[in-house]
C-alpha atoms as a PDB file:
ATOM      1  CA  MET A   1      95.810 144.140 105.355  1.00  0.00           C
ATOM      2  CA  ASP A   2      98.437 141.322 105.670  1.00  0.00           C
ATOM      3  CA  PHE A   3      98.112 137.148 105.767  1.00  0.00           C
ATOM      4  CA  LYS A   4      98.364 137.444 109.753  1.00  0.00           C
ATOM      5  CA  GLY A   5      96.563 140.654 109.784  1.00  0.00           C
ATOM      6  CA  MET A   6      93.498 138.996 108.057  1.00  0.00           C
ATOM      7  CA  ALA A   7      93.814 135.907 110.808  1.00  0.00           C
ATOM      8  CA  LEU A   8      93.836 137.961 113.350  1.00  0.00           C
ATOM      9  CA  SER A   9      90.898 140.028 112.395  1.00  0.00           C
ATOM     10  CA  GLU A  10      89.074 137.094 111.791  1.00  0.00           C
ATOM     11  CA  THR A  11      89.967 135.615 115.036  1.00  0.00           C
ATOM     12  CA  LEU A  12      88.868 139.034 117.051  1.00  0.00           C
ATOM     13  CA  PHE A  13      85.258 138.726 114.796  1.00  0.00           C
ATOM     14  CA  TYR A  14      84.846 135.366 116.065  1.00  0.00           C
ATOM     15  CA  TYR A  15      85.762 136.029 119.870  1.00  0.00           C
ATOM     16  CA  ILE A  16      83.265 139.094 120.051  1.00  0.00           C
ATOM     17  CA  ILE A  17      80.436 137.622 118.177  1.00  0.00           C
ATOM     18  CA  ILE A  18      80.691 134.458 120.340  1.00  0.00           C
ATOM     19  CA  ILE A  19      81.245 136.513 123.732  1.00  0.00           C
ATOM     20  CA  SER A  20      78.762 138.806 123.046  1.00  0.00           C
ATOM     21  CA  GLY A  21      76.026 136.410 122.116  1.00  0.00           C
ATOM     22  CA  ALA A  22      76.781 134.326 125.806  1.00  0.00           C
ATOM     23  CA  VAL A  23      76.611 137.615 127.703  1.00  0.00           C
ATOM     24  CA  GLY A  24      73.411 138.827 125.793  1.00  0.00           C
ATOM     25  CA  TRP A  25      71.885 135.111 126.092  1.00  0.00           C
ATOM     26  CA  ILE A  26      72.763 135.032 130.148  1.00  0.00           C
ATOM     27  CA  ILE A  27      71.266 138.778 130.455  1.00  0.00           C
ATOM     28  CA  GLY A  28      68.252 137.816 128.172  1.00  0.00           C
ATOM     29  CA  PHE A  29      67.542 134.707 130.296  1.00  0.00           C
ATOM     30  CA  LEU A  30      68.174 136.831 133.413  1.00  0.00           C
ATOM     31  CA  HIS A  31      65.649 139.240 132.478  1.00  0.00           C
ATOM     32  CA  GLN A  32      63.121 137.007 130.341  1.00  0.00           C
ATOM     33  CA  ASN A  33      63.548 139.479 127.672  1.00  0.00           C
ATOM     34  CA  PHE A  34      64.710 138.599 123.813  1.00  0.00           C
ATOM     35  CA  LEU A  35      64.837 142.149 123.047  1.00  0.00           C
ATOM     36  CA  GLU A  36      67.991 142.496 125.431  1.00  0.00           C
ATOM     37  CA  THR A  37      69.729 139.200 124.516  1.00  0.00           C
ATOM     38  CA  PHE A  38      69.625 140.957 120.658  1.00  0.00           C
ATOM     39  CA  TYR A  39      70.916 144.338 121.956  1.00  0.00           C
ATOM     40  CA  VAL A  40      73.682 142.999 123.414  1.00  0.00           C
ATOM     41  CA  TRP A  41      74.514 140.702 120.287  1.00  0.00           C
ATOM     42  CA  SER A  42      73.911 144.065 118.368  1.00  0.00           C
ATOM     43  CA  LEU A  43      76.318 145.778 120.221  1.00  0.00           C
ATOM     44  CA  GLY A  44      79.090 143.416 119.971  1.00  0.00           C
ATOM     45  CA  LEU A  45      78.311 142.877 116.348  1.00  0.00           C
ATOM     46  CA  GLY A  46      79.012 146.324 116.275  1.00  0.00           C
ATOM     47  CA  ILE A  47      82.300 146.510 118.034  1.00  0.00           C
ATOM     48  CA  SER A  48      83.449 143.530 115.639  1.00  0.00           C
ATOM     49  CA  ILE A  49      82.887 145.759 112.750  1.00  0.00           C
ATOM     50  CA  VAL A  50      84.409 148.560 113.952  1.00  0.00           C
ATOM     51  CA  LEU A  51      87.639 146.664 115.058  1.00  0.00           C
ATOM     52  CA  CYS A  52      87.894 144.429 112.114  1.00  0.00           C
ATOM     53  CA  VAL A  53      86.642 145.920 108.751  1.00  0.00           C
ATOM     54  CA  PRO A  54      88.827 149.268 108.806  1.00  0.00           C
ATOM     55  CA  ASP A  55      93.128 148.414 107.850  1.00  0.00           C
ATOM     56  CA  TRP A  56      93.976 149.011 111.424  1.00  0.00           C
ATOM     57  CA  PRO A  57      97.742 149.658 111.611  1.00  0.00           C
ATOM     58  CA  PHE A  58      97.985 146.505 114.265  1.00  0.00           C
ATOM     59  CA  PHE A  59      97.065 144.758 111.155  1.00  0.00           C
ATOM     60  CA  ASN A  60      99.819 145.498 109.343  1.00  0.00           C
ATOM     61  CA  ARG A  61     102.768 144.248 111.050  1.00  0.00           C
ATOM     62  CA  ASN A  62     103.904 141.120 108.450  1.00  0.00           C
ATOM     63  CA  PRO A  63     103.867 143.039 105.307  1.00  0.00           C
ATOM     64  CA  VAL A  64     104.061 140.508 102.174  1.00  0.00           C
ATOM     65  CA  LYS A  65     107.597 140.711 100.435  1.00  0.00           C
ATOM     66  CA  TRP A  66     106.745 140.800  96.682  1.00  0.00           C
ATOM     67  CA  LEU A  67     109.160 139.647  94.130  1.00  0.00           C
ATOM     68  CA  ASP A  68     111.352 142.275  92.482  1.00  0.00           C
ATOM     69  CA  LYS A  69     111.057 143.617  89.002  1.00  0.00           C
ATOM     70  CA  SER A  70     114.798 142.835  88.151  1.00  0.00           C
ATOM     71  CA  VAL A  71     114.426 139.268  88.847  1.00  0.00           C
ATOM     72  CA  LEU A  72     111.540 139.483  86.323  1.00  0.00           C
ATOM     73  CA  GLU A  73     113.869 141.419  83.803  1.00  0.00           C
ATOM     74  CA  LYS A  74     116.603 138.612  83.791  1.00  0.00           C
ATOM     75  CA  GLY A  75     113.939 135.924  82.412  1.00  0.00           C
ATOM     76  CA  VAL A  76     113.425 133.836  85.102  1.00  0.00           C
ATOM     77  CA  GLY A  77     110.412 132.367  85.045  1.00  0.00           C
ATOM     78  CA  LYS A  78     109.673 132.860  80.939  1.00  0.00           C
ATOM     79  CA  GLY A  79     109.225 129.394  80.119  1.00  0.00           C
ATOM     80  CA  LYS A  80     112.501 128.371  79.312  1.00  0.00           C
ATOM     81  CA  VAL A  81     113.171 124.576  79.779  1.00  0.00           C
ATOM     82  CA  LYS A  82     116.846 123.556  80.715  1.00  0.00           C
ATOM     83  CA  GLY A  83     117.871 120.375  79.117  1.00  0.00           C
END
């Protein structure tokens, strides 16, 4: 998962949890049953876990470009002071 994918995963998690909590609260309030609130919120938590925890391909759209090994072998960054 790349850095933008991690940000997307976190954003999805927050939105799913907040929306499911709000919907669950409304349903629980209308039915006067806290257990229904908990069930709706738990369903949202399960959906967010399925969407956000695995490394899905849409989280890997911006791969990180690492430094080539050849640049390190040339001596760049070995602490040599120019002067």
